[in-house]
Amino acid sequence: MEEMNKAFATFEERDRVASLGGGASKIEIQHESGKMTARERIDMLLDKGTFVELDKLMVHRCTNYGMDKNKIPGDGVVSGYGKIDGRQVFVYAYDFTVYGGSLSASNAKKIVKVQQLALKNGAPIIALNDSGGARIQEGIESLSGYADIFYQNTMASGVIPQISAILGPCAGGACYSPALTDFIFMVKEKSHMFVTGPDVVKTVIHEEVSKEELGGALTHSTKSGVAHFMCNTEEELLMSIRELLSFLPQNNMDEPQKQSFSDESNREDPTLNTIIPSDPNMPYDMKDIIERVVDEGYFYEVMPYFAKNIIIGFARLGGRSVGIVANQPAYLAGVLDIDASDKASRFVRFCDCFNIPLITFEDVPGFLPGYTQENNGIIRHGAKIVYAFAEATVPKITVITRKAYGGAYIVMNSKQTGADVNFAYPSAEIAVMGAEGAINVLFRKADAETKAKELEAYKEKFATPYQAAELGFIDEIILPKQTRKRLIQALEMTENKMLTNPPKKHGNMPL
């Protein structure tokens, strides 16, 4: 019995040492920099007492530069599984207190193990990044570890939700694992992502730039579109991940969990009748419509600071999770440009992967014209939206609130590209182009009086939803106050939708 007690005591001591990662002094430095440790992050993210750690005692096998005399249990990654709101998830977190969270061949194997477990068991995987990058002492072995991780990211894409949090540095090849996942969270002023850091930029192209300007949360949330969510603190970030998961299913064969709700399904909101201005050139905030229609008025917006001319995010209608794509007339008149096209199409494809119905609110005057847009490939990027919507087999419902002009009308989930139900408000204008532009083309040589007369005739004929309704392109013209009721009815009608695209290896999306 004494031998057994000794064995237990030995294990408990080794387990205690492993739990400290790089040791008390390194933990203190981590706290002083305003950051939590890997295990503290996992404890806050998961339901209390549910985390099961794997490979806690794993160490590296490197012998270069005296590394064989310096081994720390866990080797810089904490990995395992647990639960969020009672649902299974897998998680791994880089431990910055151990060799700066650098990636070794050993801890790459730890990461790949949980990635494979997540895929086999059909559960989301969450990566908490805080790492100095590849471990230089290991050379190509650490780099090959990244390749293994990227391969697993790619195999899991569209099968299980993959979420990345950037909670410190993430540089070089390390950036591509988060970039391959579905959503990236960053913390203001604490997290940074860049393929090449400021020092390399200065050496190679003689450009001085701070790490915040180059790859901070603000840069990636507003300019590059790399990050989907920007949070003020680590705590806010971890709670936001929990919230995001509440809208998602466990995997691509599952449905999002239906939530109980107190909002009345048949609720009408007369205020909706007053939001859209009578002047078609006056802006309004599309979020005012969205928030008055969805359950409890709650809209979980994705990428709120990037390409603000289009809105994407999650909400619930009748307790059911939906993905919302909407033009934003309050910003650039809601036109589609390169960034908006990328933002919308990737979100549409995510929702389609994970059986989340798509609701489109449309008020789009067209694609953004100009030399810069054309030269940077607006045709190629704009094609992504129509490709994503046409390819999607989930229930697809569109509400045209005001303008639906030209090619932009077609790509925004039109009847012809596969939408199941298309609604329009009486204020909708469905036409090849705006009335003034059309008259200037059709009657370019006419006098002012003739143009004014023809303008009114054009508006009466085309600047309405009625021609589209007569042709069956619009299923129903509804009053704005009826929007919630009609959307919930349409979702119930399409609940058992069965549609299969032609068999193929995969399509060739314009990228």
Protein backbone atom coordinates (compact mmCIF):
# COMPACT_ATOMS: atom_id res chain seq x y z
CA MET A 1 0.00 0.00 0.00
CA GLU A 2 2.88 2.30 0.78
CA GLU A 3 4.31 1.72 -2.72
CA MET A 4 0.93 2.59 -4.20
CA ASN A 5 0.68 5.79 -2.16
CA LYS A 6 4.17 6.73 -3.29
CA ALA A 7 3.15 6.18 -6.93
CA PHE A 8 0.07 8.35 -6.39
CA ALA A 9 2.14 11.08 -4.75
CA THR A 10 4.67 11.00 -7.61
CA PHE A 11 1.91 11.36 -10.17
CA GLU A 12 0.23 14.19 -8.26
CA GLU A 13 3.51 16.11 -8.07
CA ARG A 14 4.22 15.64 -11.78
CA ASP A 15 0.65 16.69 -12.58
CA ARG A 16 1.03 19.80 -10.38
CA VAL A 17 4.26 20.78 -12.13
CA ALA A 18 2.68 20.24 -15.56
CA SER A 19 -0.26 22.46 -14.54
CA LEU A 20 2.16 25.34 -13.96
CA GLY A 21 3.39 25.33 -17.56
CA GLY A 22 6.48 27.53 -17.69
CA GLY A 23 6.38 28.05 -13.91
CA ALA A 24 5.11 30.64 -11.45
CA SER A 25 7.49 33.40 -12.62
CA LYS A 26 6.43 33.04 -16.26
CA ILE A 27 2.76 33.00 -15.22
CA GLU A 28 3.33 36.24 -13.33
CA ILE A 29 4.88 37.84 -16.44
CA GLN A 30 1.86 36.70 -18.48
CA HIS A 31 -0.50 38.31 -15.95
CA GLU A 32 1.56 41.50 -15.84
CA SER A 33 1.19 41.84 -19.61
CA GLY A 34 -2.60 41.82 -19.11
CA LYS A 35 -3.10 38.29 -20.44
CA MET A 36 -4.49 35.09 -18.95
CA THR A 37 -2.69 31.77 -19.11
CA ALA A 38 -3.78 29.00 -21.49
CA ARG A 39 -5.53 27.03 -18.73
CA GLU A 40 -7.25 30.12 -17.33
CA ARG A 41 -8.63 30.86 -20.79
CA ILE A 42 -9.92 27.32 -21.22
CA ASP A 43 -11.51 27.35 -17.76
CA MET A 44 -13.34 30.59 -18.58
CA LEU A 45 -14.43 29.39 -22.03
CA LEU A 46 -15.82 25.98 -21.05
CA ASP A 47 -18.58 24.97 -18.65
CA LYS A 48 -17.10 24.68 -15.17
CA GLY A 49 -15.49 21.34 -14.40
CA THR A 50 -15.93 19.86 -17.88
CA PHE A 51 -12.39 20.23 -19.31
CA VAL A 52 -10.50 16.99 -19.88
CA GLU A 53 -6.86 17.61 -20.75
CA LEU A 54 -4.96 15.34 -23.13
CA ASP A 55 -1.19 14.85 -23.47
CA LYS A 56 -0.48 16.91 -20.36
CA LEU A 57 2.92 15.28 -19.85
CA MET A 58 4.10 15.28 -23.47
CA VAL A 59 7.56 16.78 -24.06
CA HIS A 60 9.60 17.70 -27.13
CA ARG A 61 12.27 15.44 -28.64
CA CYS A 62 14.64 18.17 -29.83
CA THR A 63 18.36 17.82 -28.98
CA ASN A 64 19.66 20.93 -30.77
CA TYR A 65 21.09 23.90 -28.86
CA GLY A 66 20.89 22.12 -25.50
CA MET A 67 17.11 21.65 -25.75
CA ASP A 68 17.44 18.04 -24.52
CA LYS A 69 18.31 19.46 -21.09
CA ASN A 70 15.27 21.74 -21.07
CA LYS A 71 11.97 19.92 -21.21
CA ILE A 72 8.66 21.22 -19.82
CA PRO A 73 5.60 18.92 -19.54
CA GLY A 74 2.91 19.88 -22.04
CA ASP A 75 5.50 21.58 -24.25
CA GLY A 76 3.61 24.81 -24.89
CA VAL A 77 0.12 23.64 -25.82
CA VAL A 78 -2.84 22.77 -23.59
CA SER A 79 -5.33 20.56 -25.44
CA GLY A 80 -8.42 18.50 -24.74
CA TYR A 81 -12.20 18.55 -24.73
CA GLY A 82 -15.10 19.83 -22.66
CA LYS A 83 -18.53 21.38 -22.99
CA ILE A 84 -20.09 24.75 -23.78
CA ASP A 85 -23.73 25.06 -22.72
CA GLY A 86 -23.69 21.29 -22.27
CA ARG A 87 -22.54 20.61 -25.85
CA GLN A 88 -19.29 18.82 -26.73
CA VAL A 89 -16.39 20.94 -28.01
CA PHE A 90 -12.67 20.41 -28.52
CA VAL A 91 -10.10 23.04 -27.67
CA TYR A 92 -6.39 23.73 -27.77
CA ALA A 93 -4.53 26.74 -26.42
CA TYR A 94 -0.95 27.82 -26.98
CA ASP A 95 0.80 28.37 -23.63
CA PHE A 96 2.98 31.46 -23.95
CA THR A 97 4.70 30.68 -20.63
CA VAL A 98 6.43 27.66 -22.26
CA TYR A 99 9.02 28.64 -24.88
CA GLY A 100 6.81 31.59 -25.87
CA GLY A 101 4.09 29.19 -27.00
CA SER A 102 6.27 28.22 -29.96
CA LEU A 103 5.19 25.25 -32.06
CA SER A 104 7.23 22.04 -31.80
CA ALA A 105 6.77 18.77 -33.63
CA SER A 106 5.44 17.30 -30.36
CA ASN A 107 2.81 19.90 -29.60
CA ALA A 108 1.78 19.92 -33.28
CA LYS A 109 0.92 16.24 -32.75
CA LYS A 110 -1.17 17.25 -29.73
CA ILE A 111 -3.08 19.75 -31.85
CA VAL A 112 -3.60 17.30 -34.72
CA LYS A 113 -4.89 14.71 -32.22
CA VAL A 114 -7.71 16.98 -30.99
CA GLN A 115 -8.43 18.14 -34.55
CA GLN A 116 -8.92 14.52 -35.61
CA LEU A 117 -11.01 13.73 -32.55
CA ALA A 118 -13.23 16.74 -33.26
CA LEU A 119 -13.70 15.64 -36.87
CA LYS A 120 -14.41 11.99 -35.97
CA ASN A 121 -16.88 12.97 -33.28
CA GLY A 122 -18.56 15.83 -35.16
CA ALA A 123 -17.98 18.64 -32.68
CA PRO A 124 -16.70 22.23 -32.99
CA ILE A 125 -13.02 22.96 -32.38
CA ILE A 126 -11.69 26.17 -30.85
CA ALA A 127 -8.08 27.34 -31.11
CA LEU A 128 -6.72 29.89 -28.63
CA ASN A 129 -3.61 31.38 -30.25
CA ASP A 130 -0.82 33.06 -28.27
CA SER A 131 2.42 31.93 -29.85
CA GLY A 132 5.83 33.08 -30.99
CA GLY A 133 5.55 30.86 -34.08
CA ALA A 134 7.63 27.88 -35.16
CA ARG A 135 10.28 26.73 -32.66
CA ILE A 136 13.53 27.75 -34.36
CA GLN A 137 15.62 25.10 -32.57
CA GLU A 138 13.67 22.34 -34.34
CA GLY A 139 14.09 23.66 -37.88
CA ILE A 140 11.94 21.99 -40.50
CA GLU A 141 10.26 19.67 -37.95
CA SER A 142 8.28 22.53 -36.42
CA LEU A 143 7.34 23.84 -39.86
CA SER A 144 6.05 20.43 -40.89
CA GLY A 145 3.88 20.54 -37.77
CA TYR A 146 2.12 23.60 -39.17
CA ALA A 147 1.53 21.76 -42.45
CA ASP A 148 -0.16 18.90 -40.55
CA ILE A 149 -2.41 21.41 -38.75
CA PHE A 150 -3.34 23.22 -41.98
CA TYR A 151 -4.23 19.91 -43.62
CA GLN A 152 -6.59 19.05 -40.76
CA ASN A 153 -8.13 22.55 -40.93
CA THR A 154 -8.86 21.99 -44.60
CA MET A 155 -10.31 18.50 -44.12
CA ALA A 156 -12.59 19.77 -41.35
CA SER A 157 -13.76 22.81 -43.34
CA GLY A 158 -17.51 22.67 -43.85
CA VAL A 159 -17.79 19.57 -41.64
CA ILE A 160 -17.39 21.04 -38.14
CA PRO A 161 -17.33 24.68 -37.02
CA GLN A 162 -13.76 25.89 -36.52
CA ILE A 163 -13.15 29.01 -34.42
CA SER A 164 -9.87 30.83 -33.80
CA ALA A 165 -9.08 33.36 -31.09
CA ILE A 166 -5.96 35.50 -31.39
CA LEU A 167 -4.92 36.37 -27.84
CA GLY A 168 -1.32 37.42 -28.40
CA PRO A 169 1.14 37.23 -31.29
CA CYS A 170 0.38 35.12 -34.36
CA ALA A 171 3.03 35.53 -37.04
CA GLY A 172 4.36 33.89 -40.18
CA GLY A 173 2.99 30.51 -41.14
CA ALA A 174 0.99 30.42 -37.89
CA CYS A 175 -1.51 32.88 -39.43
CA TYR A 176 -2.76 30.37 -41.95
CA SER A 177 -4.43 28.02 -39.51
CA PRO A 178 -6.74 30.79 -38.23
CA ALA A 179 -7.26 31.98 -41.82
CA LEU A 180 -8.48 28.49 -42.75
CA THR A 181 -11.04 28.44 -39.93
CA ASP A 182 -14.57 29.84 -40.04
CA PHE A 183 -14.31 32.76 -37.62
CA ILE A 184 -11.44 34.76 -36.11
CA PHE A 185 -11.72 36.72 -32.86
CA MET A 186 -9.15 39.34 -31.81
CA VAL A 187 -8.58 41.55 -28.76
CA LYS A 188 -7.88 45.26 -29.13
CA GLU A 189 -4.21 46.11 -28.63
CA LYS A 190 -3.37 42.65 -27.23
CA SER A 191 -3.44 40.44 -30.33
CA HIS A 192 -1.53 40.73 -33.60
CA MET A 193 -1.45 38.78 -36.86
CA PHE A 194 0.98 39.27 -39.72
CA VAL A 195 2.77 37.08 -42.23
CA THR A 196 5.90 39.22 -41.79
CA GLY A 197 6.50 41.36 -38.71
CA PRO A 198 7.53 45.03 -38.56
CA ASP A 199 11.26 44.23 -38.36
CA VAL A 200 11.22 42.12 -41.52
CA VAL A 201 9.11 44.74 -43.32
CA LYS A 202 11.69 47.39 -42.40
CA THR A 203 14.59 45.22 -43.57
CA VAL A 204 13.07 44.10 -46.86
CA ILE A 205 11.12 47.10 -48.13
CA HIS A 206 12.46 49.83 -45.79
CA GLU A 207 9.00 50.65 -44.50
CA GLU A 208 8.52 51.64 -40.86
CA VAL A 209 5.24 50.41 -39.41
CA SER A 210 4.11 49.51 -35.89
CA LYS A 211 2.85 46.01 -35.13
CA GLU A 212 -0.53 47.54 -34.27
CA GLU A 213 -0.83 49.23 -37.67
CA LEU A 214 0.49 46.18 -39.47
CA GLY A 215 -1.57 43.47 -37.80
CA GLY A 216 -3.58 44.72 -34.84
CA ALA A 217 -7.23 43.94 -34.15
CA LEU A 218 -8.36 47.31 -35.53
CA THR A 219 -6.48 46.82 -38.80
CA HIS A 220 -7.84 43.32 -39.36
CA SER A 221 -11.38 44.27 -38.32
CA THR A 222 -11.69 47.42 -40.43
CA LYS A 223 -9.24 47.23 -43.36
CA SER A 224 -8.11 43.70 -44.21
CA GLY A 225 -11.26 41.79 -43.27
CA VAL A 226 -9.16 39.01 -41.72
CA ALA A 227 -10.88 39.22 -38.30
CA HIS A 228 -14.61 38.72 -37.82
CA PHE A 229 -14.91 39.95 -34.24
CA MET A 230 -12.99 42.58 -32.28
CA CYS A 231 -13.33 42.47 -28.50
CA ASN A 232 -12.13 44.82 -25.75
CA THR A 233 -10.91 42.12 -23.36
CA GLU A 234 -10.06 38.41 -23.31
CA GLU A 235 -13.08 37.79 -21.09
CA GLU A 236 -15.40 39.45 -23.61
CA LEU A 237 -13.83 37.41 -26.42
CA LEU A 238 -14.30 34.08 -24.66
CA MET A 239 -17.93 34.89 -23.83
CA SER A 240 -18.49 35.94 -27.46
CA ILE A 241 -17.27 32.53 -28.66
CA ARG A 242 -19.82 30.85 -26.37
CA GLU A 243 -22.52 33.10 -27.81
CA LEU A 244 -21.53 32.41 -31.42
CA LEU A 245 -21.69 28.65 -30.83
CA SER A 246 -25.29 28.98 -29.60
CA PHE A 247 -26.32 29.82 -33.18
CA LEU A 248 -24.43 26.92 -34.76
CA PRO A 249 -24.99 23.16 -35.07
CA GLN A 250 -22.39 20.65 -33.91
CA ASN A 251 -21.54 19.61 -37.47
CA ASN A 252 -22.72 19.61 -41.09
CA MET A 253 -25.12 16.70 -40.52
CA ASP A 254 -26.79 18.46 -37.59
CA GLU A 255 -29.29 21.32 -37.30
CA PRO A 256 -28.82 24.36 -35.04
CA GLN A 257 -30.63 23.88 -31.75
CA LYS A 258 -34.05 25.52 -31.66
CA GLN A 259 -34.28 27.93 -28.72
CA SER A 260 -37.30 28.76 -26.62
CA PHE A 261 -38.51 32.33 -27.17
CA SER A 262 -41.10 34.67 -25.72
CA ASP A 263 -41.48 36.91 -28.79
CA GLU A 264 -44.83 36.51 -30.57
CA SER A 265 -44.45 34.79 -33.97
CA ASN A 266 -47.38 36.74 -35.46
CA ARG A 267 -46.21 40.05 -34.03
CA GLU A 268 -46.72 43.03 -36.35
CA ASP A 269 -44.71 46.21 -35.87
CA PRO A 270 -46.34 49.34 -37.35
CA THR A 271 -43.05 51.25 -36.90
CA LEU A 272 -41.63 49.21 -39.79
CA ASN A 273 -44.04 51.04 -42.11
CA THR A 274 -42.31 54.34 -41.30
CA ILE A 275 -38.60 53.43 -41.53
CA ILE A 276 -38.08 53.63 -45.30
CA PRO A 277 -38.08 57.28 -46.49
CA SER A 278 -40.44 58.33 -49.28
CA ASP A 279 -37.45 59.91 -51.05
CA PRO A 280 -35.62 56.95 -52.70
CA ASN A 281 -32.29 58.75 -52.34
CA MET A 282 -32.56 59.20 -48.58
CA PRO A 283 -30.55 56.75 -46.44
CA TYR A 284 -31.89 54.69 -43.55
CA ASP A 285 -30.36 52.08 -41.26
CA MET A 286 -31.23 48.54 -42.39
CA LYS A 287 -30.45 47.31 -38.87
CA ASP A 288 -33.57 49.18 -37.69
CA ILE A 289 -35.59 46.77 -39.85
CA ILE A 290 -33.62 43.63 -38.91
CA GLU A 291 -33.82 44.27 -35.15
CA ARG A 292 -37.58 44.89 -35.26
CA VAL A 293 -38.16 41.62 -37.10
CA VAL A 294 -35.96 39.03 -35.32
CA ASP A 295 -36.66 37.28 -31.99
CA GLU A 296 -36.28 39.59 -28.98
CA GLY A 297 -34.78 42.22 -31.32
CA TYR A 298 -31.38 40.53 -31.01
CA PHE A 299 -28.99 40.50 -33.96
CA TYR A 300 -25.47 39.03 -33.52
CA GLU A 301 -23.54 40.92 -36.17
CA VAL A 302 -20.43 39.47 -37.82
CA MET A 303 -17.66 41.75 -39.19
CA PRO A 304 -19.46 44.97 -38.17
CA TYR A 305 -16.51 47.27 -38.99
CA PHE A 306 -15.49 45.88 -42.40
CA ALA A 307 -17.33 46.60 -45.67
CA LYS A 308 -20.13 48.34 -43.79
CA ASN A 309 -22.18 48.64 -46.99
CA ILE A 310 -23.26 45.05 -46.36
CA ILE A 311 -24.48 43.54 -43.10
CA ILE A 312 -24.05 39.90 -42.09
CA GLY A 313 -24.83 38.09 -38.87
CA PHE A 314 -26.94 35.62 -36.95
CA ALA A 315 -30.37 35.96 -35.37
CA ARG A 316 -33.36 33.78 -34.55
CA LEU A 317 -36.83 33.72 -36.04
CA GLY A 318 -39.38 31.63 -34.20
CA GLY A 319 -36.52 30.21 -32.13
CA ARG A 320 -34.69 29.00 -35.23
CA SER A 321 -31.16 30.16 -36.05
CA VAL A 322 -30.87 32.12 -39.31
CA GLY A 323 -28.07 33.86 -41.20
CA ILE A 324 -28.87 37.38 -42.34
CA VAL A 325 -27.33 39.16 -45.33
CA ALA A 326 -28.48 42.74 -45.92
CA ASN A 327 -27.49 45.79 -47.91
CA GLN A 328 -26.88 48.87 -45.76
CA PRO A 329 -28.32 52.04 -47.39
CA ALA A 330 -26.77 54.12 -44.58
CA TYR A 331 -23.24 53.39 -45.89
CA LEU A 332 -22.21 53.99 -49.52
CA ALA A 333 -25.93 53.76 -50.36
CA GLY A 334 -25.67 49.98 -49.89
CA VAL A 335 -23.72 49.39 -53.12
CA LEU A 336 -21.83 46.15 -53.65
CA ASP A 337 -18.06 46.47 -53.95
CA ILE A 338 -15.10 44.08 -53.75
CA ASP A 339 -14.95 43.89 -49.94
CA ALA A 340 -18.72 43.57 -49.54
CA SER A 341 -18.76 40.77 -52.11
CA ASP A 342 -16.08 38.81 -50.25
CA LYS A 343 -17.73 39.39 -46.88
CA ALA A 344 -21.18 38.30 -48.00
CA SER A 345 -20.20 35.30 -50.12
CA ARG A 346 -18.08 33.63 -47.44
CA PHE A 347 -20.85 34.07 -44.88
CA VAL A 348 -23.44 32.61 -47.26
CA ARG A 349 -21.23 29.58 -47.83
CA PHE A 350 -20.72 29.10 -44.10
CA CYS A 351 -24.47 29.12 -43.46
CA ASP A 352 -25.01 26.66 -46.30
CA CYS A 353 -22.33 24.33 -44.91
CA PHE A 354 -24.07 24.19 -41.54
CA ASN A 355 -27.76 24.08 -42.46
CA ILE A 356 -28.56 27.63 -41.38
CA PRO A 357 -31.36 29.24 -43.44
CA LEU A 358 -30.51 32.49 -45.21
CA ILE A 359 -32.58 35.67 -44.98
CA THR A 360 -31.67 38.50 -47.36
CA PHE A 361 -32.82 42.10 -46.89
CA GLU A 362 -32.22 43.89 -50.17
CA ASP A 363 -31.82 47.56 -51.00
CA VAL A 364 -29.05 47.74 -53.59
CA PRO A 365 -28.55 50.40 -56.29
CA GLY A 366 -25.85 48.39 -58.06
CA PHE A 367 -22.15 47.60 -58.01
CA LEU A 368 -19.70 50.37 -57.14
CA PRO A 369 -18.41 51.84 -60.42
CA GLY A 370 -14.95 53.19 -61.12
CA TYR A 371 -11.40 52.55 -62.22
CA THR A 372 -10.18 51.19 -58.87
CA GLN A 373 -12.99 48.65 -58.49
CA GLU A 374 -12.74 47.42 -62.07
CA ASN A 375 -8.95 47.12 -61.95
CA ASN A 376 -9.06 45.23 -58.68
CA GLY A 377 -11.54 42.72 -60.06
CA ILE A 378 -15.07 43.69 -59.08
CA ILE A 379 -16.32 41.28 -61.78
CA ARG A 380 -14.44 38.36 -60.24
CA HIS A 381 -15.37 39.31 -56.67
CA GLY A 382 -18.98 40.19 -57.47
CA ALA A 383 -19.38 36.78 -59.11
CA LYS A 384 -18.66 35.19 -55.73
CA ILE A 385 -21.99 36.36 -54.31
CA VAL A 386 -24.12 34.93 -57.10
CA TYR A 387 -22.07 31.72 -56.97
CA ALA A 388 -22.54 31.40 -53.19
CA PHE A 389 -26.29 32.06 -53.24
CA ALA A 390 -26.93 29.85 -56.29
CA GLU A 391 -24.91 26.99 -54.78
CA ALA A 392 -26.62 27.17 -51.37
CA THR A 393 -29.28 24.49 -50.80
CA VAL A 394 -30.55 25.75 -47.41
CA PRO A 395 -33.88 27.62 -47.27
CA LYS A 396 -33.36 31.03 -48.90
CA ILE A 397 -35.76 33.93 -48.38
CA THR A 398 -35.44 37.49 -49.70
CA VAL A 399 -37.17 40.72 -48.72
CA ILE A 400 -36.73 43.63 -51.16
CA THR A 401 -37.25 46.78 -49.14
CA ARG A 402 -36.47 49.41 -51.76
CA LYS A 403 -33.94 49.37 -54.63
CA ALA A 404 -33.12 46.20 -56.56
CA TYR A 405 -31.29 47.33 -59.66
CA GLY A 406 -29.55 45.45 -62.46
CA GLY A 407 -26.97 42.76 -61.83
CA ALA A 408 -26.93 43.61 -58.14
CA TYR A 409 -30.61 42.60 -57.94
CA ILE A 410 -29.77 39.25 -59.51
CA VAL A 411 -26.87 38.40 -57.19
CA MET A 412 -28.73 39.30 -53.98
CA ASN A 413 -30.62 36.01 -53.72
CA SER A 414 -33.10 36.57 -56.53
CA LYS A 415 -35.78 34.09 -57.56
CA GLN A 416 -33.82 33.20 -60.67
CA THR A 417 -30.74 32.17 -58.69
CA GLY A 418 -32.67 29.78 -56.48
CA ALA A 419 -34.40 31.73 -53.72
CA ASP A 420 -37.38 29.84 -52.28
CA VAL A 421 -39.53 32.78 -51.25
CA ASN A 422 -39.18 36.38 -52.44
CA PHE A 423 -41.07 39.18 -50.74
CA ALA A 424 -41.15 42.86 -51.66
CA TYR A 425 -42.46 45.94 -49.88
CA PRO A 426 -44.74 48.28 -51.85
CA SER A 427 -41.77 50.69 -51.84
CA ALA A 428 -39.61 48.22 -53.82
CA GLU A 429 -38.10 49.31 -57.13
CA ILE A 430 -37.09 46.31 -59.24
CA ALA A 431 -35.56 47.47 -62.49
CA VAL A 432 -32.52 47.35 -64.77
CA MET A 433 -31.38 50.69 -63.36
CA GLY A 434 -32.66 53.81 -61.60
CA ALA A 435 -35.28 55.87 -63.42
CA GLU A 436 -33.06 58.90 -64.13
CA GLY A 437 -30.27 56.75 -65.57
CA ALA A 438 -32.69 54.77 -67.70
CA ILE A 439 -34.32 57.89 -69.19
CA ASN A 440 -30.94 59.42 -69.94
CA VAL A 441 -30.09 56.29 -71.95
CA LEU A 442 -33.47 55.85 -73.66
CA PHE A 443 -34.10 59.53 -74.41
CA ARG A 444 -30.61 60.96 -74.48
CA LYS A 445 -31.45 63.42 -77.27
CA ALA A 446 -34.89 64.45 -76.02
CA ASP A 447 -35.69 67.86 -74.56
CA ALA A 448 -36.15 68.45 -70.82
CA GLU A 449 -39.95 68.39 -70.99
CA THR A 450 -40.05 65.04 -72.78
CA LYS A 451 -37.51 63.60 -70.36
CA ALA A 452 -39.57 64.75 -67.35
CA LYS A 453 -42.72 63.17 -68.82
CA GLU A 454 -40.97 59.90 -69.66
CA LEU A 455 -39.36 59.83 -66.21
CA GLU A 456 -42.74 59.73 -64.52
CA ALA A 457 -43.97 57.04 -66.92
CA TYR A 458 -40.86 54.94 -66.28
CA LYS A 459 -41.26 55.25 -62.51
CA GLU A 460 -44.89 54.18 -62.73
CA LYS A 461 -44.04 51.14 -64.86
CA PHE A 462 -40.70 49.97 -63.49
CA ALA A 463 -39.94 51.68 -60.14
CA THR A 464 -42.41 49.37 -58.41
CA PRO A 465 -42.59 45.68 -57.44
CA TYR A 466 -45.61 45.03 -59.63
CA GLN A 467 -43.99 43.98 -62.91
CA ALA A 468 -41.83 41.48 -61.00
CA ALA A 469 -44.91 40.21 -59.16
CA GLU A 470 -46.82 39.83 -62.43
CA LEU A 471 -43.97 37.70 -63.79
CA GLY A 472 -43.76 35.53 -60.66
CA PHE A 473 -40.31 36.81 -59.68
CA ILE A 474 -41.84 38.16 -56.46
CA ASP A 475 -44.06 35.71 -54.58
CA GLU A 476 -45.85 38.25 -52.41
CA ILE A 477 -45.91 41.98 -51.86
CA ILE A 478 -46.18 42.57 -48.12
CA LEU A 479 -46.52 45.53 -45.80
CA PRO A 480 -43.32 46.13 -43.82
CA LYS A 481 -45.18 45.55 -40.54
CA GLN A 482 -45.93 41.97 -41.64
CA THR A 483 -42.26 41.05 -42.20
CA ARG A 484 -41.69 38.95 -39.07
CA LYS A 485 -44.85 36.89 -39.51
CA ARG A 486 -44.20 36.23 -43.20
CA LEU A 487 -40.56 35.25 -42.65
CA ILE A 488 -41.46 32.78 -39.90
CA GLN A 489 -44.20 31.28 -42.08
CA ALA A 490 -41.73 30.94 -44.96
CA LEU A 491 -39.16 29.28 -42.68
CA GLU A 492 -41.79 26.80 -41.46
CA MET A 493 -42.80 26.08 -45.06
CA THR A 494 -39.19 25.41 -46.14
CA GLU A 495 -38.20 23.49 -43.00
CA ASN A 496 -38.07 20.16 -44.84
CA LYS A 497 -36.57 21.51 -48.06
CA MET A 498 -34.69 18.83 -50.01
CA LEU A 499 -32.36 19.96 -52.78
CA THR A 500 -29.21 18.32 -54.09
CA ASN A 501 -26.80 19.98 -56.51
CA PRO A 502 -25.34 17.96 -59.42
CA PRO A 503 -22.71 15.45 -58.26
CA LYS A 504 -19.17 16.80 -58.62
CA LYS A 505 -15.85 16.80 -56.82
CA HIS A 506 -16.34 20.52 -56.14
CA GLY A 507 -17.22 23.60 -58.13
CA ASN A 508 -14.64 26.13 -59.33
CA MET A 509 -15.66 29.25 -57.45
CA PRO A 510 -14.28 32.56 -58.81
CA LEU A 511 -11.65 33.40 -56.20
